[in-house]
Amino acid sequence: MDDDEEGIKALMKLAVETPKRDNTEYHHAIAAFRRAFAEADAALGPELRVRTKGKWKRNGDYVLKMTFKGKASGG
């Protein structure tokens, strides 16, 4: 086995053994957004508008604000 093959095997082994990122919170956030959108769509009707505003906080958190508007809300 030459050096290239050994290097490729080492990289493959590293990729397999590397811990994967836990996307659980991301999936929960997306599910919450979908529920909120469905509820807003039912309440506000077909003229639903969604406005988003994102901001990095000093502590490193990213905050995403969503505002739903439609005819029923007077918007």
Protein backbone atom coordinates (compact mmCIF):
# COMPACT_ATOMS: atom_id res chain seq x y z
CA MET A 1 0.00 0.00 0.00
CA ASP A 2 1.48 3.38 -0.94
CA ASP A 3 1.37 6.63 1.05
CA ASP A 4 -1.62 8.02 -0.89
CA GLU A 5 -3.79 5.01 -0.06
CA GLU A 6 -2.78 5.16 3.59
CA GLY A 7 -3.58 8.88 3.69
CA ILE A 8 -6.99 8.32 2.12
CA LYS A 9 -7.77 5.51 4.57
CA ALA A 10 -6.71 7.71 7.48
CA LEU A 11 -8.98 10.54 6.27
CA MET A 12 -11.91 8.17 5.79
CA LYS A 13 -11.39 6.73 9.28
CA LEU A 14 -11.24 10.24 10.75
CA ALA A 15 -14.46 11.23 8.95
CA VAL A 16 -16.27 8.16 10.25
CA GLU A 17 -15.06 8.64 13.83
CA THR A 18 -15.64 12.40 14.00
CA PRO A 19 -18.55 13.28 16.29
CA LYS A 20 -21.56 14.57 14.38
CA ARG A 21 -23.28 17.83 15.23
CA ASP A 22 -26.54 17.45 17.15
CA ASN A 23 -29.24 19.16 15.07
CA THR A 24 -32.06 18.43 17.53
CA GLU A 25 -32.59 22.06 18.55
CA TYR A 26 -32.54 23.16 14.92
CA HIS A 27 -35.23 20.63 14.02
CA HIS A 28 -37.36 21.72 17.01
CA ALA A 29 -37.03 25.38 15.94
CA ILE A 30 -38.04 24.60 12.35
CA ALA A 31 -41.02 22.57 13.59
CA ALA A 32 -42.09 25.46 15.85
CA PHE A 33 -41.84 27.87 12.91
CA ARG A 34 -43.97 25.58 10.73
CA ARG A 35 -46.62 25.29 13.46
CA ALA A 36 -46.65 29.08 13.97
CA PHE A 37 -46.92 29.64 10.22
CA ALA A 38 -49.82 27.19 9.92
CA GLU A 39 -51.65 28.82 12.84
CA ALA A 40 -51.07 32.31 11.43
CA ASP A 41 -52.21 31.19 7.99
CA ALA A 42 -55.43 29.77 9.46
CA ALA A 43 -56.09 32.88 11.53
CA LEU A 44 -55.00 35.59 9.10
CA GLY A 45 -55.99 34.10 5.78
CA PRO A 46 -54.46 34.06 2.31
CA GLU A 47 -52.98 37.56 2.55
CA LEU A 48 -50.53 36.45 5.22
CA ARG A 49 -47.22 38.27 5.25
CA VAL A 50 -44.21 37.14 7.23
CA ARG A 51 -41.43 39.50 8.27
CA THR A 52 -38.24 38.22 9.84
CA LYS A 53 -35.51 40.07 11.66
CA GLY A 54 -32.32 38.42 12.86
CA LYS A 55 -29.73 39.69 15.29
CA TRP A 56 -26.53 38.40 16.87
CA LYS A 57 -26.48 39.08 20.61
CA ARG A 58 -23.34 39.89 22.54
CA ASN A 59 -23.40 36.50 24.27
CA GLY A 60 -23.19 34.75 20.87
CA ASP A 61 -26.86 33.81 20.58
CA TYR A 62 -28.67 34.48 17.31
CA VAL A 63 -32.23 35.74 17.78
CA LEU A 64 -34.76 35.50 14.98
CA LYS A 65 -37.99 37.46 15.32
CA MET A 66 -40.93 36.60 13.06
CA THR A 67 -43.91 38.88 12.62
CA PHE A 68 -47.05 37.58 10.90
CA LYS A 69 -49.47 40.13 9.42
CA GLY A 70 -52.65 39.81 7.44
CA LYS A 71 -56.02 41.45 6.83
CA ALA A 72 -57.50 40.07 10.05
CA SER A 73 -54.81 41.87 12.08
CA GLY A 74 -55.42 45.18 10.34
CA GLY A 75 -52.01 45.01 8.65
